Amino acid sequence: MQKHLEQIGHSARYLLSLINDILDMSRIESGRVTIKNEEFSFEEFLEQIKIMVGGQCRDKGLHFYCNIIGKINQYYIGDDTKLKQIMMNILGNAVKFTNVGGSITLEVECTANYEGQSNFRFTMKDTGIGMDQSYLPKIFDAFSQEDATTTSSYGGSGLGLAITKNIVEMMNGTITVESEKGVGSTFTVNLPLKNSSQNLAEEELTIRPQDLKILFIDDDIVSRDHAKAILADSGVELETVETGKEALDLITLHN
């Protein structure tokens, strides 16, 4: 009985996924999908991806790595829901087609900043079953599967990557894939996000060492010299005095 219930549950989830993919594709083809331009926390977006994909990987016995390359701001303007759908479609496939003990890697890099927007590169690598070179030109076609055994072994509607490519292009981005049979696959998504003015406000609140002025009081000359040596490299402006009276005289002089 338990086995039959599990089979029914699996079939129900597959049918629901298939229906959702068909509805998404129908909306895209009829032009009823719109892209939002709303401010969102990039840090929270990445954290949600890590939680979802990390959980899937743990359940299947895979290793998951998320690497951020270079400086990325806290806030951007765009459609984080659609961006999440892109990431999860690709990373979900990576989990599906990678065997126990394999690894999934997400690399995020801001590659350019111009005219009020930033260009991002999302690189998603897996050590899964990979694909034959002859199949790659058809990978983003609707209902595309490399062979008949793919559907029976791994499931899927064959619409996920077609939907993903359409959404990427609606967001003015590009998507490419490299793969080798038995080695794994690498998907690269490049797309722009608008910069948020909130980042500028945060930068203005950032304290830089070179903006600090410190008055150090100690009657031990060795301690004073040590403090100078430590803070000099960081760009902090430091003055030292031996007594409290000298400190008060110096403050009065500067005021």
Protein backbone atom coordinates (compact mmCIF):
# COMPACT_ATOMS: atom_id res chain seq x y z
CA MET A 1 0.00 0.00 0.00
CA GLN A 2 2.79 2.44 0.96
CA LYS A 3 4.54 1.81 -2.35
CA HIS A 4 1.34 2.51 -4.31
CA LEU A 5 0.76 5.76 -2.37
CA GLU A 6 4.31 6.91 -3.13
CA GLN A 7 3.80 6.17 -6.82
CA ILE A 8 0.52 8.12 -6.82
CA GLY A 9 2.22 11.06 -5.07
CA HIS A 10 5.09 11.03 -7.54
CA SER A 11 2.69 10.96 -10.50
CA ALA A 12 0.60 13.80 -9.05
CA ARG A 13 3.67 16.01 -8.55
CA TYR A 14 4.85 15.27 -12.08
CA LEU A 15 1.45 16.15 -13.57
CA LEU A 16 1.28 19.38 -11.53
CA SER A 17 4.76 20.35 -12.72
CA LEU A 18 3.79 19.55 -16.31
CA ILE A 19 0.60 21.65 -16.08
CA ASN A 20 2.50 24.59 -14.56
CA ASP A 21 5.12 24.45 -17.33
CA ILE A 22 2.45 24.34 -20.05
CA LEU A 23 0.64 27.31 -18.48
CA ASP A 24 3.90 29.27 -18.22
CA MET A 25 4.73 28.56 -21.86
CA SER A 26 1.21 29.54 -22.91
CA ARG A 27 1.49 32.88 -21.08
CA ILE A 28 4.86 33.57 -22.68
CA GLU A 29 3.64 32.77 -26.21
CA SER A 30 0.53 34.93 -25.77
CA GLY A 31 2.56 37.87 -24.45
CA ARG A 32 0.88 37.83 -21.04
CA VAL A 33 4.12 37.68 -19.04
CA THR A 34 5.44 41.00 -17.75
CA ILE A 35 8.76 41.80 -16.11
CA LYS A 36 8.66 43.78 -12.86
CA ASN A 37 11.07 46.57 -12.00
CA GLU A 38 11.05 46.59 -8.21
CA GLU A 39 13.79 47.06 -5.66
CA PHE A 40 14.89 43.85 -3.95
CA SER A 41 17.63 42.63 -1.64
CA PHE A 42 20.17 40.70 -3.68
CA GLU A 43 21.54 39.14 -0.50
CA GLU A 44 18.10 37.76 0.45
CA PHE A 45 17.55 36.53 -3.12
CA LEU A 46 20.82 34.56 -3.04
CA GLU A 47 20.08 33.23 0.44
CA GLN A 48 16.73 31.83 -0.75
CA ILE A 49 18.47 30.13 -3.69
CA LYS A 50 21.07 28.61 -1.38
CA ILE A 51 18.42 27.31 1.03
CA MET A 52 16.30 25.70 -1.72
CA VAL A 53 19.12 24.21 -3.79
CA GLY A 54 21.18 23.30 -0.74
CA GLY A 55 18.22 21.34 0.65
CA GLN A 56 17.71 19.46 -2.63
CA CYS A 57 21.41 18.61 -2.76
CA ARG A 58 21.49 17.34 0.83
CA ASP A 59 18.46 15.15 0.18
CA LYS A 60 20.18 13.57 -2.84
CA GLY A 61 23.69 13.36 -1.39
CA LEU A 62 25.24 16.10 -3.53
CA HIS A 63 27.66 18.91 -2.69
CA PHE A 64 26.48 22.49 -3.29
CA TYR A 65 28.77 25.51 -3.55
CA CYS A 66 27.83 29.17 -4.00
CA ASN A 67 30.66 31.58 -4.82
CA ILE A 68 30.36 35.37 -5.10
CA ILE A 69 33.12 36.95 -7.17
CA GLY A 70 33.99 40.61 -6.59
CA LYS A 71 31.82 43.34 -5.04
CA ILE A 72 28.03 43.11 -5.20
CA ASN A 73 25.69 45.75 -3.79
CA GLN A 74 22.92 45.04 -1.32
CA TYR A 75 20.03 46.27 -3.49
CA TYR A 76 19.09 46.19 -7.18
CA ILE A 77 15.97 46.87 -9.23
CA GLY A 78 14.47 44.10 -11.34
CA ASP A 79 12.21 41.06 -11.19
CA ASP A 80 13.62 38.84 -8.46
CA THR A 81 10.76 36.33 -8.85
CA LYS A 82 11.60 35.73 -12.52
CA LEU A 83 15.31 35.70 -11.71
CA LYS A 84 14.65 33.06 -9.06
CA GLN A 85 12.68 31.01 -11.60
CA ILE A 86 15.63 31.12 -14.00
CA MET A 87 18.08 29.98 -11.33
CA MET A 88 15.83 27.24 -9.96
CA ASN A 89 14.98 25.83 -13.41
CA ILE A 90 18.66 25.41 -14.24
CA LEU A 91 19.88 24.37 -10.79
CA GLY A 92 16.90 22.04 -10.34
CA ASN A 93 17.86 20.28 -13.57
CA ALA A 94 21.45 20.11 -12.35
CA VAL A 95 20.32 18.32 -9.19
CA LYS A 96 18.05 16.00 -11.21
CA PHE A 97 20.77 14.94 -13.66
CA THR A 98 23.65 14.62 -11.16
CA ASN A 99 24.27 11.34 -9.40
CA VAL A 100 24.98 10.84 -5.70
CA GLY A 101 28.37 12.23 -4.65
CA GLY A 102 28.45 14.81 -7.45
CA SER A 103 28.53 18.59 -7.07
CA ILE A 104 26.57 21.68 -8.11
CA THR A 105 28.25 25.10 -8.20
CA LEU A 106 26.70 28.56 -8.57
CA GLU A 107 29.04 31.47 -9.29
CA VAL A 108 27.73 35.05 -9.21
CA GLU A 109 29.73 37.97 -10.58
CA CYS A 110 28.95 41.60 -11.37
CA THR A 111 30.91 42.01 -14.61
CA ALA A 112 30.13 45.63 -15.51
CA ASN A 113 28.51 48.78 -14.15
CA TYR A 114 27.31 51.41 -16.61
CA GLU A 115 24.54 53.98 -17.15
CA GLY A 116 22.77 53.20 -13.89
CA GLN A 117 22.75 49.43 -14.23
CA SER A 118 24.95 46.43 -13.50
CA ASN A 119 25.54 43.38 -15.66
CA PHE A 120 25.55 40.03 -13.87
CA ARG A 121 26.97 36.69 -14.87
CA PHE A 122 25.43 33.61 -13.23
CA THR A 123 27.43 30.45 -13.93
CA MET A 124 25.84 27.13 -12.93
CA LYS A 125 28.01 24.01 -13.17
CA ASP A 126 27.28 20.39 -12.40
CA THR A 127 29.13 17.08 -12.57
CA GLY A 128 26.07 15.28 -13.92
CA ILE A 129 25.41 12.99 -16.88
CA GLY A 130 26.07 15.76 -19.41
CA MET A 131 24.79 15.98 -22.98
CA ASP A 132 26.04 15.09 -26.42
CA GLN A 133 27.34 18.00 -28.51
CA SER A 134 24.83 17.26 -31.28
CA TYR A 135 21.92 17.88 -28.89
CA LEU A 136 23.02 21.29 -27.58
CA PRO A 137 21.58 23.38 -30.48
CA LYS A 138 18.12 21.98 -29.64
CA ILE A 139 18.31 22.17 -25.86
CA PHE A 140 16.16 25.32 -25.56
CA ASP A 141 13.44 24.06 -27.92
CA ALA A 142 10.03 23.36 -26.41
CA PHE A 143 9.42 19.69 -25.45
CA SER A 144 13.04 18.90 -26.25
CA GLN A 145 14.59 15.77 -24.67
CA GLU A 146 17.93 14.24 -25.63
CA ASP A 147 16.42 10.74 -25.91
CA ALA A 148 13.35 8.76 -24.86
CA THR A 149 15.05 7.36 -21.76
CA THR A 150 15.52 10.85 -20.28
CA THR A 151 11.83 11.32 -19.56
CA SER A 152 11.32 7.83 -18.15
CA SER A 153 14.46 7.98 -15.99
CA TYR A 154 14.40 11.60 -14.75
CA GLY A 155 10.94 12.99 -15.56
CA GLY A 156 10.34 16.53 -16.76
CA SER A 157 8.16 18.19 -19.38
CA GLY A 158 10.88 19.32 -21.76
CA LEU A 159 9.62 22.90 -21.31
CA GLY A 160 11.77 24.14 -18.40
CA LEU A 161 14.74 25.36 -20.42
CA ALA A 162 12.52 26.79 -23.18
CA ILE A 163 10.69 28.82 -20.53
CA THR A 164 14.01 29.83 -18.95
CA LYS A 165 15.45 31.09 -22.26
CA ASN A 166 12.32 33.13 -22.97
CA ILE A 167 12.40 34.77 -19.52
CA VAL A 168 16.13 35.53 -19.84
CA GLU A 169 15.55 37.24 -23.18
CA MET A 170 12.58 39.18 -21.78
CA MET A 171 14.98 40.51 -19.14
CA ASN A 172 17.40 41.59 -21.92
CA GLY A 173 19.84 38.82 -21.10
CA THR A 174 21.50 35.85 -22.77
CA ILE A 175 21.91 32.18 -21.87
CA THR A 176 24.49 29.70 -23.16
CA VAL A 177 25.37 26.10 -22.36
CA GLU A 178 28.45 23.89 -22.58
CA SER A 179 28.28 20.18 -21.88
CA GLU A 180 30.12 16.90 -22.28
CA LYS A 181 28.58 13.48 -22.02
CA GLY A 182 29.52 11.83 -18.73
CA VAL A 183 31.34 14.95 -17.45
CA GLY A 184 28.68 17.56 -16.72
CA SER A 185 27.14 20.80 -17.93
CA THR A 186 27.71 24.54 -17.48
CA PHE A 187 24.95 27.10 -18.02
CA THR A 188 25.88 30.79 -18.16
CA VAL A 189 23.26 33.52 -17.82
CA ASN A 190 24.19 37.16 -18.42
CA LEU A 191 21.61 39.83 -17.66
CA PRO A 192 21.37 43.43 -16.44
CA LEU A 193 19.80 44.77 -13.25
CA LYS A 194 19.21 48.44 -12.51
CA ASN A 195 21.19 49.97 -9.67
CA SER A 196 19.34 51.15 -6.56
CA SER A 197 19.78 54.59 -4.99
CA GLN A 198 19.66 52.86 -1.61
CA ASN A 199 23.18 51.57 -2.23
CA LEU A 200 24.44 55.17 -2.48
CA ALA A 201 22.82 56.00 0.85
CA GLU A 202 24.55 53.02 2.46
CA GLU A 203 27.90 53.97 0.96
CA GLU A 204 27.57 57.46 2.44
CA LEU A 205 27.13 55.89 5.89
CA THR A 206 30.18 53.68 5.47
CA ILE A 207 33.05 54.69 7.76
CA ARG A 208 36.41 54.71 6.00
CA PRO A 209 39.58 54.42 8.12
CA GLN A 210 41.19 57.36 6.30
CA ASP A 211 38.33 59.60 7.52
CA LEU A 212 39.05 58.86 11.19
CA LYS A 213 41.15 60.97 13.56
CA ILE A 214 42.24 59.32 16.79
CA LEU A 215 43.83 60.82 19.90
CA PHE A 216 45.76 58.17 21.84
CA ILE A 217 46.70 58.83 25.49
CA ASP A 218 49.26 56.68 27.29
CA ASP A 219 52.19 57.45 29.55
CA ASP A 220 54.12 54.52 28.08
CA ILE A 221 56.10 55.61 25.00
CA VAL A 222 56.35 52.01 23.76
CA SER A 223 52.52 51.73 23.71
CA ARG A 224 52.22 55.03 21.85
CA ASP A 225 54.75 53.97 19.23
CA HIS A 226 53.04 50.57 18.87
CA ALA A 227 49.65 52.22 18.27
CA LYS A 228 51.18 54.47 15.61
CA ALA A 229 52.73 51.50 13.84
CA ILE A 230 49.49 49.50 13.80
CA LEU A 231 47.20 52.31 12.61
CA ALA A 232 49.57 53.88 10.09
CA ASP A 233 48.99 51.11 7.53
CA SER A 234 45.21 51.55 7.64
CA GLY A 235 45.36 55.27 6.86
CA VAL A 236 44.02 56.46 10.23
CA GLU A 237 45.24 59.89 11.35
CA LEU A 238 46.69 59.40 14.86
CA GLU A 239 48.06 61.80 17.42
CA THR A 240 49.56 60.63 20.70
CA VAL A 241 50.04 62.39 24.02
CA GLU A 242 51.41 61.32 27.37
CA THR A 243 48.87 62.86 29.79
CA GLY A 244 45.25 63.87 30.07
CA LYS A 245 46.22 67.54 30.34
CA GLU A 246 48.11 67.34 27.05
CA ALA A 247 45.07 65.78 25.46
CA LEU A 248 42.77 68.59 26.68
CA ASP A 249 45.24 71.25 25.51
CA LEU A 250 45.40 69.60 22.06
CA ILE A 251 41.59 69.37 21.77
CA THR A 252 41.25 73.03 22.78
CA LEU A 253 43.87 74.01 20.20
CA HIS A 254 42.07 72.18 17.37
CA ASN A 255 38.68 73.64 18.33
